[in-house]
Amino acid sequence: MVRARGCRGSVTAEMAVLLPTLVLLAAALAWLVGLGVAQVQCVDAARDAARALARAESTEAATELAEASAPKGARVDMRRRAGLVEVEVTYRATPPGGLLDAVAGIDLRATATTPLEVAGAPAG
């Protein structure tokens, strides 16, 4: 079998193009999995804090619970009104390696609302 000399090195050139593409694809997939994990953490944090507020625990205790469950850097907002407590957890997820932080970040948000469970708990 005789090979043409013009094809020499074509596998190396193809791999040089393919390998960075595969690395970027793997990083993108890992980031998507991380987004899913961060969203679940936000949901858990909102639920934990809303439950604590419904049991008439202090705002500080509910905030500590939320911050323990939420991703680092998440913001927790709490409201009490008309016999309900509402907690919203927001988090800005950025791509791996800090690339394009300001442009390509995704805002994740979770909200939990529950009625007050303790009679006489402050509603406002």
PDB file of N, CA and C in Angstrom:
ATOM      1  N   MET A   1       0.835  -1.164   0.000  1.00  0.00           N
ATOM      2  CA  MET A   1       0.000   0.000   0.000  1.00  0.00           C
ATOM      3  C   MET A   1       0.894   1.245   0.000  1.00  0.00           C
ATOM      4  N   VAL A   2       0.644   2.126  -0.889  1.00  0.00           N
ATOM      5  CA  VAL A   2       1.445   3.334  -1.029  1.00  0.00           C
ATOM      6  C   VAL A   2       0.614   4.533  -0.587  1.00  0.00           C
ATOM      7  N   ARG A   3       1.193   5.343   0.291  1.00  0.00           N
ATOM      8  CA  ARG A   3       0.494   6.540   0.779  1.00  0.00           C
ATOM      9  C   ARG A   3       0.991   7.762   0.032  1.00  0.00           C
ATOM     10  N   ALA A   4       0.075   8.668  -0.179  1.00  0.00           N
ATOM     11  CA  ALA A   4       0.461   9.918  -0.815  1.00  0.00           C
ATOM     12  C   ALA A   4       1.149  10.793   0.225  1.00  0.00           C
ATOM     13  N   ARG A   5       2.184  11.484  -0.179  1.00  0.00           N
ATOM     14  CA  ARG A   5       2.944  12.310   0.753  1.00  0.00           C
ATOM     15  C   ARG A   5       2.157  13.541   1.203  1.00  0.00           C
ATOM     16  N   GLY A   6       1.155  13.948   0.487  1.00  0.00           N
ATOM     17  CA  GLY A   6       0.380  15.133   0.827  1.00  0.00           C
ATOM     18  C   GLY A   6      -0.507  14.951   2.050  1.00  0.00           C
ATOM     19  N   CYS A   7      -0.735  13.718   2.502  1.00  0.00           N
ATOM     20  CA  CYS A   7      -1.619  13.463   3.651  1.00  0.00           C
ATOM     21  C   CYS A   7      -0.864  13.379   4.963  1.00  0.00           C
ATOM     22  N   ARG A   8       0.430  13.487   4.930  1.00  0.00           N
ATOM     23  CA  ARG A   8       1.218  13.371   6.140  1.00  0.00           C
ATOM     24  C   ARG A   8       0.910  14.484   7.124  1.00  0.00           C
ATOM     25  N   GLY A   9       0.675  14.121   8.396  1.00  0.00           N
ATOM     26  CA  GLY A   9       0.399  15.110   9.428  1.00  0.00           C
ATOM     27  C   GLY A   9      -1.048  15.546   9.517  1.00  0.00           C
ATOM     28  N   SER A  10      -1.916  14.968   8.700  1.00  0.00           N
ATOM     29  CA  SER A  10      -3.316  15.400   8.728  1.00  0.00           C
ATOM     30  C   SER A  10      -4.003  15.001  10.036  1.00  0.00           C
ATOM     31  N   VAL A  11      -3.635  13.875  10.605  1.00  0.00           N
ATOM     32  CA  VAL A  11      -4.221  13.462  11.880  1.00  0.00           C
ATOM     33  C   VAL A  11      -3.812  14.443  12.975  1.00  0.00           C
ATOM     34  N   THR A  12      -2.583  14.866  12.975  1.00  0.00           N
ATOM     35  CA  THR A  12      -2.114  15.831  13.969  1.00  0.00           C
ATOM     36  C   THR A  12      -2.868  17.144  13.826  1.00  0.00           C
ATOM     37  N   ALA A  13      -3.069  17.600  12.620  1.00  0.00           N
ATOM     38  CA  ALA A  13      -3.790  18.852  12.388  1.00  0.00           C
ATOM     39  C   ALA A  13      -5.248  18.724  12.818  1.00  0.00           C
ATOM     40  N   GLU A  14      -5.866  17.586  12.552  1.00  0.00           N
ATOM     41  CA  GLU A  14      -7.255  17.379  12.954  1.00  0.00           C
ATOM     42  C   GLU A  14      -7.383  17.337  14.475  1.00  0.00           C
ATOM     43  N   MET A  15      -6.431  16.697  15.127  1.00  0.00           N
ATOM     44  CA  MET A  15      -6.457  16.638  16.583  1.00  0.00           C
ATOM     45  C   MET A  15      -6.219  18.019  17.191  1.00  0.00           C
ATOM     46  N   ALA A  16      -5.389  18.822  16.564  1.00  0.00           N
ATOM     47  CA  ALA A  16      -5.119  20.170  17.059  1.00  0.00           C
ATOM     48  C   ALA A  16      -6.381  21.027  17.013  1.00  0.00           C
ATOM     49  N   VAL A  17      -7.271  20.747  16.098  1.00  0.00           N
ATOM     50  CA  VAL A  17      -8.539  21.470  16.004  1.00  0.00           C
ATOM     51  C   VAL A  17      -9.577  20.844  16.932  1.00  0.00           C
ATOM     52  N   LEU A  18      -9.628  19.533  16.995  1.00  0.00           N
ATOM     53  CA  LEU A  18     -10.655  18.818  17.738  1.00  0.00           C
ATOM     54  C   LEU A  18     -10.463  18.897  19.256  1.00  0.00           C
ATOM     55  N   LEU A  19      -9.245  18.779  19.730  1.00  0.00           N
ATOM     56  CA  LEU A  19      -8.995  18.725  21.170  1.00  0.00           C
ATOM     57  C   LEU A  19      -9.475  19.974  21.919  1.00  0.00           C
ATOM     58  N   PRO A  20      -9.149  21.180  21.469  1.00  0.00           N
ATOM     59  CA  PRO A  20      -9.672  22.363  22.177  1.00  0.00           C
ATOM     60  C   PRO A  20     -11.201  22.421  22.157  1.00  0.00           C
ATOM     61  N   THR A  21     -11.794  21.971  21.076  1.00  0.00           N
ATOM     62  CA  THR A  21     -13.251  21.944  20.991  1.00  0.00           C
ATOM     63  C   THR A  21     -13.834  21.003  22.034  1.00  0.00           C
ATOM     64  N   LEU A  22     -13.233  19.840  22.197  1.00  0.00           N
ATOM     65  CA  LEU A  22     -13.699  18.879  23.187  1.00  0.00           C
ATOM     66  C   LEU A  22     -13.509  19.409  24.614  1.00  0.00           C
ATOM     67  N   VAL A  23     -12.422  20.099  24.856  1.00  0.00           N
ATOM     68  CA  VAL A  23     -12.186  20.680  26.175  1.00  0.00           C
ATOM     69  C   VAL A  23     -13.231  21.748  26.479  1.00  0.00           C
ATOM     70  N   LEU A  24     -13.537  22.600  25.524  1.00  0.00           N
ATOM     71  CA  LEU A  24     -14.569  23.627  25.714  1.00  0.00           C
ATOM     72  C   LEU A  24     -15.939  23.001  25.931  1.00  0.00           C
ATOM     73  N   LEU A  25     -16.251  21.950  25.199  1.00  0.00           N
ATOM     74  CA  LEU A  25     -17.519  21.253  25.367  1.00  0.00           C
ATOM     75  C   LEU A  25     -17.617  20.640  26.767  1.00  0.00           C
ATOM     76  N   ALA A  26     -16.551  20.016  27.226  1.00  0.00           N
ATOM     77  CA  ALA A  26     -16.538  19.425  28.569  1.00  0.00           C
ATOM     78  C   ALA A  26     -16.709  20.507  29.638  1.00  0.00           C
ATOM     79  N   ALA A  27     -16.059  21.648  29.464  1.00  0.00           N
ATOM     80  CA  ALA A  27     -16.195  22.746  30.424  1.00  0.00           C
ATOM     81  C   ALA A  27     -17.622  23.287  30.432  1.00  0.00           C
ATOM     82  N   ALA A  28     -18.226  23.402  29.263  1.00  0.00           N
ATOM     83  CA  ALA A  28     -19.608  23.883  29.173  1.00  0.00           C
ATOM     84  C   ALA A  28     -20.569  22.910  29.855  1.00  0.00           C
ATOM     85  N   LEU A  29     -20.369  21.631  29.643  1.00  0.00           N
ATOM     86  CA  LEU A  29     -21.221  20.632  30.285  1.00  0.00           C
ATOM     87  C   LEU A  29     -21.048  20.652  31.807  1.00  0.00           C
ATOM     88  N   ALA A  30     -19.825  20.796  32.262  1.00  0.00           N
ATOM     89  CA  ALA A  30     -19.574  20.874  33.709  1.00  0.00           C
ATOM     90  C   ALA A  30     -20.249  22.110  34.296  1.00  0.00           C
ATOM     91  N   TRP A  31     -20.219  23.227  33.574  1.00  0.00           N
ATOM     92  CA  TRP A  31     -20.866  24.441  34.043  1.00  0.00           C
ATOM     93  C   TRP A  31     -22.378  24.252  34.127  1.00  0.00           C
ATOM     94  N   LEU A  32     -22.965  23.569  33.142  1.00  0.00           N
ATOM     95  CA  LEU A  32     -24.400  23.309  33.183  1.00  0.00           C
ATOM     96  C   LEU A  32     -24.780  22.458  34.385  1.00  0.00           C
ATOM     97  N   VAL A  33     -23.971  21.465  34.699  1.00  0.00           N
ATOM     98  CA  VAL A  33     -24.224  20.649  35.892  1.00  0.00           C
ATOM     99  C   VAL A  33     -24.113  21.524  37.136  1.00  0.00           C
ATOM    100  N   GLY A  34     -23.117  22.393  37.164  1.00  0.00           N
ATOM    101  CA  GLY A  34     -22.955  23.314  38.282  1.00  0.00           C
ATOM    102  C   GLY A  34     -24.135  24.262  38.435  1.00  0.00           C
ATOM    103  N   LEU A  35     -24.719  24.692  37.314  1.00  0.00           N
ATOM    104  CA  LEU A  35     -25.918  25.540  37.367  1.00  0.00           C
ATOM    105  C   LEU A  35     -27.072  24.795  38.026  1.00  0.00           C
ATOM    106  N   GLY A  36     -27.222  23.535  37.674  1.00  0.00           N
ATOM    107  CA  GLY A  36     -28.283  22.728  38.276  1.00  0.00           C
ATOM    108  C   GLY A  36     -28.089  22.582  39.770  1.00  0.00           C
ATOM    109  N   VAL A  37     -26.875  22.331  40.191  1.00  0.00           N
ATOM    110  CA  VAL A  37     -26.570  22.199  41.624  1.00  0.00           C
ATOM    111  C   VAL A  37     -26.832  23.517  42.343  1.00  0.00           C
ATOM    112  N   ALA A  38     -26.410  24.626  41.764  1.00  0.00           N
ATOM    113  CA  ALA A  38     -26.616  25.940  42.380  1.00  0.00           C
ATOM    114  C   ALA A  38     -28.106  26.271  42.480  1.00  0.00           C
ATOM    115  N   GLN A  39     -28.893  25.891  41.478  1.00  0.00           N
ATOM    116  CA  GLN A  39     -30.338  26.143  41.524  1.00  0.00           C
ATOM    117  C   GLN A  39     -30.985  25.352  42.658  1.00  0.00           C
ATOM    118  N   VAL A  40     -30.586  24.110  42.818  1.00  0.00           N
ATOM    119  CA  VAL A  40     -31.119  23.286  43.910  1.00  0.00           C
ATOM    120  C   VAL A  40     -30.716  23.866  45.261  1.00  0.00           C
ATOM    121  N   GLN A  41     -29.491  24.374  45.369  1.00  0.00           N
ATOM    122  CA  GLN A  41     -29.054  25.008  46.619  1.00  0.00           C
ATOM    123  C   GLN A  41     -29.889  26.250  46.920  1.00  0.00           C
ATOM    124  N   CYS A  42     -30.222  27.025  45.900  1.00  0.00           N
ATOM    125  CA  CYS A  42     -31.056  28.210  46.098  1.00  0.00           C
ATOM    126  C   CYS A  42     -32.456  27.815  46.572  1.00  0.00           C
ATOM    127  N   VAL A  43     -33.014  26.777  45.971  1.00  0.00           N
ATOM    128  CA  VAL A  43     -34.340  26.298  46.381  1.00  0.00           C
ATOM    129  C   VAL A  43     -34.302  25.828  47.836  1.00  0.00           C
ATOM    130  N   ASP A  44     -33.286  25.047  48.193  1.00  0.00           N
ATOM    131  CA  ASP A  44     -33.153  24.569  49.572  1.00  0.00           C
ATOM    132  C   ASP A  44     -33.004  25.726  50.552  1.00  0.00           C
ATOM    133  N   ALA A  45     -32.203  26.711  50.198  1.00  0.00           N
ATOM    134  CA  ALA A  45     -31.979  27.858  51.077  1.00  0.00           C
ATOM    135  C   ALA A  45     -33.270  28.637  51.305  1.00  0.00           C
ATOM    136  N   ALA A  46     -34.020  28.874  50.230  1.00  0.00           N
ATOM    137  CA  ALA A  46     -35.278  29.607  50.360  1.00  0.00           C
ATOM    138  C   ALA A  46     -36.269  28.826  51.222  1.00  0.00           C
ATOM    139  N   ARG A  47     -36.351  27.538  50.991  1.00  0.00           N
ATOM    140  CA  ARG A  47     -37.273  26.703  51.755  1.00  0.00           C
ATOM    141  C   ARG A  47     -36.886  26.663  53.242  1.00  0.00           C
ATOM    142  N   ASP A  48     -35.605  26.492  53.540  1.00  0.00           N
ATOM    143  CA  ASP A  48     -35.145  26.436  54.925  1.00  0.00           C
ATOM    144  C   ASP A  48     -35.449  27.738  55.673  1.00  0.00           C
ATOM    145  N   ALA A  49     -35.168  28.848  55.034  1.00  0.00           N
ATOM    146  CA  ALA A  49     -35.391  30.145  55.680  1.00  0.00           C
ATOM    147  C   ALA A  49     -36.888  30.421  55.857  1.00  0.00           C
ATOM    148  N   ALA A  50     -37.699  30.086  54.866  1.00  0.00           N
ATOM    149  CA  ALA A  50     -39.143  30.313  54.971  1.00  0.00           C
ATOM    150  C   ALA A  50     -39.729  29.474  56.101  1.00  0.00           C
ATOM    151  N   ARG A  51     -39.290  28.253  56.221  1.00  0.00           N
ATOM    152  CA  ARG A  51     -39.765  27.374  57.301  1.00  0.00           C
ATOM    153  C   ARG A  51     -39.362  27.944  58.671  1.00  0.00           C
ATOM    154  N   ALA A  52     -38.142  28.431  58.789  1.00  0.00           N
ATOM    155  CA  ALA A  52     -37.687  29.010  60.058  1.00  0.00           C
ATOM    156  C   ALA A  52     -38.507  30.248  60.416  1.00  0.00           C
ATOM    157  N   LEU A  53     -38.757  31.107  59.443  1.00  0.00           N
ATOM    158  CA  LEU A  53     -39.568  32.306  59.711  1.00  0.00           C
ATOM    159  C   LEU A  53     -40.999  31.935  60.073  1.00  0.00           C
ATOM    160  N   ALA A  54     -41.535  30.903  59.440  1.00  0.00           N
ATOM    161  CA  ALA A  54     -42.900  30.472  59.737  1.00  0.00           C
ATOM    162  C   ALA A  54     -43.015  29.966  61.170  1.00  0.00           C
ATOM    163  N   ARG A  55     -41.938  29.412  61.696  1.00  0.00           N
ATOM    164  CA  ARG A  55     -41.925  28.929  63.089  1.00  0.00           C
ATOM    165  C   ARG A  55     -41.605  30.054  64.062  1.00  0.00           C
ATOM    166  N   ALA A  56     -41.576  31.278  63.595  1.00  0.00           N
ATOM    167  CA  ALA A  56     -41.334  32.480  64.397  1.00  0.00           C
ATOM    168  C   ALA A  56     -39.904  32.559  64.906  1.00  0.00           C
ATOM    169  N   GLU A  57     -38.959  31.962  64.201  1.00  0.00           N
ATOM    170  CA  GLU A  57     -37.545  32.151  64.550  1.00  0.00           C
ATOM    171  C   GLU A  57     -37.126  33.538  64.078  1.00  0.00           C
ATOM    172  N   SER A  58     -36.026  34.023  64.615  1.00  0.00           N
ATOM    173  CA  SER A  58     -35.573  35.369  64.280  1.00  0.00           C
ATOM    174  C   SER A  58     -35.117  35.449  62.823  1.00  0.00           C
ATOM    175  N   THR A  59     -35.132  36.664  62.314  1.00  0.00           N
ATOM    176  CA  THR A  59     -34.668  36.896  60.944  1.00  0.00           C
ATOM    177  C   THR A  59     -33.198  36.519  60.810  1.00  0.00           C
ATOM    178  N   GLU A  60     -32.418  36.786  61.847  1.00  0.00           N
ATOM    179  CA  GLU A  60     -30.989  36.459  61.813  1.00  0.00           C
ATOM    180  C   GLU A  60     -30.780  34.946  61.708  1.00  0.00           C
ATOM    181  N   ALA A  61     -31.573  34.173  62.487  1.00  0.00           N
ATOM    182  CA  ALA A  61     -31.449  32.713  62.436  1.00  0.00           C
ATOM    183  C   ALA A  61     -31.852  32.181  61.067  1.00  0.00           C
ATOM    184  N   ALA A  62     -32.917  32.744  60.496  1.00  0.00           N
ATOM    185  CA  ALA A  62     -33.362  32.313  59.167  1.00  0.00           C
ATOM    186  C   ALA A  62     -32.322  32.667  58.106  1.00  0.00           C
ATOM    187  N   THR A  63     -31.710  33.840  58.260  1.00  0.00           N
ATOM    188  CA  THR A  63     -30.663  34.241  57.318  1.00  0.00           C
ATOM    189  C   THR A  63     -29.468  33.303  57.404  1.00  0.00           C
ATOM    190  N   GLU A  64     -29.083  32.923  58.612  1.00  0.00           N
ATOM    191  CA  GLU A  64     -27.974  31.986  58.777  1.00  0.00           C
ATOM    192  C   GLU A  64     -28.276  30.639  58.117  1.00  0.00           C
ATOM    193  N   LEU A  65     -29.514  30.150  58.289  1.00  0.00           N
ATOM    194  CA  LEU A  65     -29.906  28.891  57.647  1.00  0.00           C
ATOM    195  C   LEU A  65     -29.817  29.004  56.127  1.00  0.00           C
ATOM    196  N   ALA A  66     -30.322  30.118  55.604  1.00  0.00           N
ATOM    197  CA  ALA A  66     -30.303  30.310  54.156  1.00  0.00           C
ATOM    198  C   ALA A  66     -28.882  30.400  53.624  1.00  0.00           C
ATOM    199  N   GLU A  67     -28.028  31.147  54.318  1.00  0.00           N
ATOM    200  CA  GLU A  67     -26.650  31.300  53.855  1.00  0.00           C
ATOM    201  C   GLU A  67     -25.866  29.994  53.940  1.00  0.00           C
ATOM    202  N   ALA A  68     -26.231  29.133  54.892  1.00  0.00           N
ATOM    203  CA  ALA A  68     -25.557  27.837  55.003  1.00  0.00           C
ATOM    204  C   ALA A  68     -25.924  26.918  53.834  1.00  0.00           C
ATOM    205  N   SER A  69     -27.142  27.060  53.309  1.00  0.00           N
ATOM    206  CA  SER A  69     -27.596  26.195  52.212  1.00  0.00           C
ATOM    207  C   SER A  69     -27.322  26.775  50.830  1.00  0.00           C
ATOM    208  N   ALA A  70     -27.290  28.089  50.741  1.00  0.00           N
ATOM    209  CA  ALA A  70     -27.172  28.762  49.442  1.00  0.00           C
ATOM    210  C   ALA A  70     -25.733  28.736  48.938  1.00  0.00           C
ATOM    211  N   PRO A  71     -25.551  28.902  47.615  1.00  0.00           N
ATOM    212  CA  PRO A  71     -24.192  29.038  47.088  1.00  0.00           C
ATOM    213  C   PRO A  71     -23.553  30.320  47.630  1.00  0.00           C
ATOM    214  N   LYS A  72     -22.222  30.328  47.724  1.00  0.00           N
ATOM    215  CA  LYS A  72     -21.526  31.516  48.219  1.00  0.00           C
ATOM    216  C   LYS A  72     -21.791  32.695  47.294  1.00  0.00           C
ATOM    217  N   GLY A  73     -22.110  33.821  47.904  1.00  0.00           N
ATOM    218  CA  GLY A  73     -22.388  35.028  47.136  1.00  0.00           C
ATOM    219  C   GLY A  73     -23.860  35.220  46.826  1.00  0.00           C
ATOM    220  N   ALA A  74     -24.723  34.327  47.294  1.00  0.00           N
ATOM    221  CA  ALA A  74     -26.161  34.458  47.051  1.00  0.00           C
ATOM    222  C   ALA A  74     -26.739  35.556  47.937  1.00  0.00           C
ATOM    223  N   ARG A  75     -27.800  36.188  47.459  1.00  0.00           N
ATOM    224  CA  ARG A  75     -28.482  37.224  48.221  1.00  0.00           C
ATOM    225  C   ARG A  75     -29.819  36.667  48.721  1.00  0.00           C
ATOM    226  N   VAL A  76     -30.143  36.925  49.975  1.00  0.00           N
ATOM    227  CA  VAL A  76     -31.368  36.420  50.592  1.00  0.00           C
ATOM    228  C   VAL A  76     -32.249  37.599  50.977  1.00  0.00           C
ATOM    229  N   ASP A  77     -33.491  37.613  50.487  1.00  0.00           N
ATOM    230  CA  ASP A  77     -34.468  38.649  50.834  1.00  0.00           C
ATOM    231  C   ASP A  77     -35.660  37.976  51.503  1.00  0.00           C
ATOM    232  N   MET A  78     -36.102  38.559  52.628  1.00  0.00           N
ATOM    233  CA  MET A  78     -37.210  37.988  53.395  1.00  0.00           C
ATOM    234  C   MET A  78     -38.293  39.031  53.595  1.00  0.00           C
ATOM    235  N   ARG A  79     -39.554  38.572  53.514  1.00  0.00           N
ATOM    236  CA  ARG A  79     -40.700  39.447  53.747  1.00  0.00           C
ATOM    237  C   ARG A  79     -41.753  38.684  54.546  1.00  0.00           C
ATOM    238  N   ARG A  80     -42.419  39.396  55.443  1.00  0.00           N
ATOM    239  CA  ARG A  80     -43.577  38.855  56.171  1.00  0.00           C
ATOM    240  C   ARG A  80     -44.746  39.787  55.881  1.00  0.00           C
ATOM    241  N   ARG A  81     -45.880  39.192  55.509  1.00  0.00           N
ATOM    242  CA  ARG A  81     -47.063  40.017  55.277  1.00  0.00           C
ATOM    243  C   ARG A  81     -48.315  39.139  55.247  1.00  0.00           C
ATOM    244  N   ALA A  82     -49.360  39.645  55.832  1.00  0.00           N
ATOM    245  CA  ALA A  82     -50.679  39.017  55.812  1.00  0.00           C
ATOM    246  C   ALA A  82     -50.637  37.534  56.172  1.00  0.00           C
ATOM    247  N   GLY A  83     -49.897  37.191  57.216  1.00  0.00           N
ATOM    248  CA  GLY A  83     -49.867  35.806  57.663  1.00  0.00           C
ATOM    249  C   GLY A  83     -48.982  34.886  56.839  1.00  0.00           C
ATOM    250  N   LEU A  84     -48.216  35.442  55.907  1.00  0.00           N
ATOM    251  CA  LEU A  84     -47.320  34.654  55.060  1.00  0.00           C
ATOM    252  C   LEU A  84     -45.881  35.136  55.227  1.00  0.00           C
ATOM    253  N   VAL A  85     -44.961  34.237  55.012  1.00  0.00           N
ATOM    254  CA  VAL A  85     -43.554  34.620  54.916  1.00  0.00           C
ATOM    255  C   VAL A  85     -43.073  34.230  53.527  1.00  0.00           C
ATOM    256  N   GLU A  86     -42.269  35.080  52.945  1.00  0.00           N
ATOM    257  CA  GLU A  86     -41.720  34.821  51.607  1.00  0.00           C
ATOM    258  C   GLU A  86     -40.221  35.068  51.642  1.00  0.00           C
ATOM    259  N   VAL A  87     -39.483  34.104  51.110  1.00  0.00           N
ATOM    260  CA  VAL A  87     -38.028  34.220  51.043  1.00  0.00           C
ATOM    261  C   VAL A  87     -37.611  34.052  49.586  1.00  0.00           C
ATOM    262  N   GLU A  88     -36.767  34.958  49.129  1.00  0.00           N
ATOM    263  CA  GLU A  88     -36.235  34.869  47.768  1.00  0.00           C
ATOM    264  C   GLU A  88     -34.716  34.817  47.841  1.00  0.00           C
ATOM    265  N   VAL A  89     -34.138  33.830  47.182  1.00  0.00           N
ATOM    266  CA  VAL A  89     -32.687  33.678  47.120  1.00  0.00           C
ATOM    267  C   VAL A  89     -32.272  33.878  45.671  1.00  0.00           C
ATOM    268  N   THR A  90     -31.345  34.800  45.431  1.00  0.00           N
ATOM    269  CA  THR A  90     -30.837  35.039  44.082  1.00  0.00           C
ATOM    270  C   THR A  90     -29.326  34.830  44.069  1.00  0.00           C
ATOM    271  N   TYR A  91     -28.858  34.325  42.941  1.00  0.00           N
ATOM    272  CA  TYR A  91     -27.431  34.021  42.792  1.00  0.00           C
ATOM    273  C   TYR A  91     -27.037  34.241  41.347  1.00  0.00           C
ATOM    274  N   ARG A  92     -25.919  34.912  41.139  1.00  0.00           N
ATOM    275  CA  ARG A  92     -25.393  35.128  39.777  1.00  0.00           C
ATOM    276  C   ARG A  92     -24.286  34.114  39.534  1.00  0.00           C
ATOM    277  N   ALA A  93     -24.551  33.176  38.631  1.00  0.00           N
ATOM    278  CA  ALA A  93     -23.581  32.140  38.268  1.00  0.00           C
ATOM    279  C   ALA A  93     -22.766  32.627  37.077  1.00  0.00           C
ATOM    280  N   THR A  94     -21.453  32.501  37.186  1.00  0.00           N
ATOM    281  CA  THR A  94     -20.570  32.944  36.108  1.00  0.00           C
ATOM    282  C   THR A  94     -19.862  31.742  35.502  1.00  0.00           C
ATOM    283  N   PRO A  95     -19.413  31.871  34.264  1.00  0.00           N
ATOM    284  CA  PRO A  95     -18.734  30.754  33.590  1.00  0.00           C
ATOM    285  C   PRO A  95     -17.444  30.365  34.316  1.00  0.00           C
ATOM    286  N   PRO A  96     -16.975  29.145  34.079  1.00  0.00           N
ATOM    287  CA  PRO A  96     -15.748  28.692  34.739  1.00  0.00           C
ATOM    288  C   PRO A  96     -14.548  29.543  34.352  1.00  0.00           C
ATOM    289  N   GLY A  97     -13.644  29.690  35.291  1.00  0.00           N
ATOM    290  CA  GLY A  97     -12.416  30.433  35.031  1.00  0.00           C
ATOM    291  C   GLY A  97     -12.593  31.931  35.036  1.00  0.00           C
ATOM    292  N   GLY A  98     -13.795  32.407  35.349  1.00  0.00           N
ATOM    293  CA  GLY A  98     -14.028  33.847  35.384  1.00  0.00           C
ATOM    294  C   GLY A  98     -14.092  34.484  34.012  1.00  0.00           C
ATOM    295  N   LEU A  99     -14.192  33.679  32.956  1.00  0.00           N
ATOM    296  CA  LEU A  99     -14.269  34.225  31.605  1.00  0.00           C
ATOM    297  C   LEU A  99     -15.620  34.889  31.387  1.00  0.00           C
ATOM    298  N   LEU A 100     -15.604  36.041  30.847  1.00  0.00           N
ATOM    299  CA  LEU A 100     -16.823  36.760  30.488  1.00  0.00           C
ATOM    300  C   LEU A 100     -17.784  36.925  31.656  1.00  0.00           C
ATOM    301  N   ASP A 101     -17.266  37.208  32.849  1.00  0.00           N
ATOM    302  CA  ASP A 101     -18.117  37.308  34.039  1.00  0.00           C
ATOM    303  C   ASP A 101     -19.268  38.287  33.855  1.00  0.00           C
ATOM    304  N   ALA A 102     -18.969  39.465  33.374  1.00  0.00           N
ATOM    305  CA  ALA A 102     -19.996  40.498  33.280  1.00  0.00           C
ATOM    306  C   ALA A 102     -20.988  40.234  32.158  1.00  0.00           C
ATOM    307  N   VAL A 103     -20.586  39.493  31.150  1.00  0.00           N
ATOM    308  CA  VAL A 103     -21.433  39.302  29.981  1.00  0.00           C
ATOM    309  C   VAL A 103     -22.231  38.009  30.042  1.00  0.00           C
ATOM    310  N   ALA A 104     -21.604  36.920  30.448  1.00  0.00           N
ATOM    311  CA  ALA A 104     -22.220  35.605  30.294  1.00  0.00           C
ATOM    312  C   ALA A 104     -22.772  35.013  31.581  1.00  0.00           C
ATOM    313  N   GLY A 105     -22.913  35.798  32.639  1.00  0.00           N
ATOM    314  CA  GLY A 105     -23.462  35.255  33.869  1.00  0.00           C
ATOM    315  C   GLY A 105     -24.946  34.963  33.737  1.00  0.00           C
ATOM    316  N   ILE A 106     -25.419  34.044  34.559  1.00  0.00           N
ATOM    317  CA  ILE A 106     -26.830  33.680  34.567  1.00  0.00           C
ATOM    318  C   ILE A 106     -27.359  33.909  35.976  1.00  0.00           C
ATOM    319  N   ASP A 107     -28.496  34.592  36.078  1.00  0.00           N
ATOM    320  CA  ASP A 107     -29.114  34.829  37.379  1.00  0.00           C
ATOM    321  C   ASP A 107     -30.033  33.669  37.726  1.00  0.00           C
ATOM    322  N   LEU A 108     -29.777  33.038  38.871  1.00  0.00           N
ATOM    323  CA  LEU A 108     -30.626  31.972  39.384  1.00  0.00           C
ATOM    324  C   LEU A 108     -31.462  32.550  40.509  1.00  0.00           C
ATOM    325  N   ARG A 109     -32.723  32.093  40.606  1.00  0.00           N
ATOM    326  CA  ARG A 109     -33.619  32.645  41.613  1.00  0.00           C
ATOM    327  C   ARG A 109     -34.537  31.541  42.113  1.00  0.00           C
ATOM    328  N   ALA A 110     -34.775  31.542  43.413  1.00  0.00           N
ATOM    329  CA  ALA A 110     -35.727  30.609  44.014  1.00  0.00           C
ATOM    330  C   ALA A 110     -36.531  31.359  45.061  1.00  0.00           C
ATOM    331  N   THR A 111     -37.820  31.063  45.124  1.00  0.00           N
ATOM    332  CA  THR A 111     -38.714  31.710  46.077  1.00  0.00           C
ATOM    333  C   THR A 111     -39.491  30.643  46.831  1.00  0.00           C
ATOM    334  N   ALA A 112     -39.644  30.848  48.126  1.00  0.00           N
ATOM    335  CA  ALA A 112     -40.464  29.958  48.947  1.00  0.00           C
ATOM    336  C   ALA A 112     -41.424  30.819  49.763  1.00  0.00           C
ATOM    337  N   THR A 113     -42.695  30.422  49.774  1.00  0.00           N
ATOM    338  CA  THR A 113     -43.727  31.125  50.532  1.00  0.00           C
ATOM    339  C   THR A 113     -44.453  30.116  51.390  1.00  0.00           C
ATOM    340  N   THR A 114     -44.674  30.471  52.643  1.00  0.00           N
ATOM    341  CA  THR A 114     -45.389  29.570  53.553  1.00  0.00           C
ATOM    342  C   THR A 114     -46.154  30.388  54.583  1.00  0.00           C
ATOM    343  N   PRO A 115     -47.273  29.845  55.080  1.00  0.00           N
ATOM    344  CA  PRO A 115     -48.022  30.574  56.106  1.00  0.00           C
ATOM    345  C   PRO A 115     -47.337  30.495  57.463  1.00  0.00           C
ATOM    346  N   LEU A 116     -47.564  31.509  58.300  1.00  0.00           N
ATOM    347  CA  LEU A 116     -47.041  31.502  59.650  1.00  0.00           C
ATOM    348  C   LEU A 116     -47.668  30.335  60.408  1.00  0.00           C
ATOM    349  N   GLU A 117     -46.850  29.618  61.162  1.00  0.00           N
ATOM    350  CA  GLU A 117     -47.340  28.454  61.901  1.00  0.00           C
ATOM    351  C   GLU A 117     -47.615  28.742  63.359  1.00  0.00           C
ATOM    352  N   VAL A 118     -47.045  29.798  63.880  1.00  0.00           N
ATOM    353  CA  VAL A 118     -47.139  30.086  65.313  1.00  0.00           C
ATOM    354  C   VAL A 118     -48.157  31.194  65.523  1.00  0.00           C
ATOM    355  N   ALA A 119     -49.131  30.927  66.378  1.00  0.00           N
ATOM    356  CA  ALA A 119     -50.139  31.944  66.687  1.00  0.00           C
ATOM    357  C   ALA A 119     -49.454  33.110  67.394  1.00  0.00           C
ATOM    358  N   GLY A 120     -49.804  34.300  66.977  1.00  0.00           N
ATOM    359  CA  GLY A 120     -49.244  35.490  67.603  1.00  0.00           C
ATOM    360  C   GLY A 120     -47.898  35.907  67.058  1.00  0.00           C
ATOM    361  N   ALA A 121     -47.377  35.199  66.032  1.00  0.00           N
ATOM    362  CA  ALA A 121     -46.096  35.586  65.427  1.00  0.00           C
ATOM    363  C   ALA A 121     -46.302  36.887  64.663  1.00  0.00           C
ATOM    364  N   PRO A 122     -45.313  37.741  64.626  1.00  0.00           N
ATOM    365  CA  PRO A 122     -45.472  39.017  63.911  1.00  0.00           C
ATOM    366  C   PRO A 122     -45.705  38.770  62.426  1.00  0.00           C
ATOM    367  N   ALA A 123     -46.696  39.425  61.867  1.00  0.00           N
ATOM    368  CA  ALA A 123     -47.048  39.246  60.446  1.00  0.00           C
ATOM    369  C   ALA A 123     -46.480  40.328  59.590  1.00  0.00           C
ATOM    370  N   GLY A 124     -45.898  41.333  60.089  1.00  0.00           N
ATOM    371  CA  GLY A 124     -45.443  42.420  59.248  1.00  0.00           C
ATOM    372  C   GLY A 124     -44.097  42.769  59.567  1.00  0.00           C
TER     373      GLY A 124
END
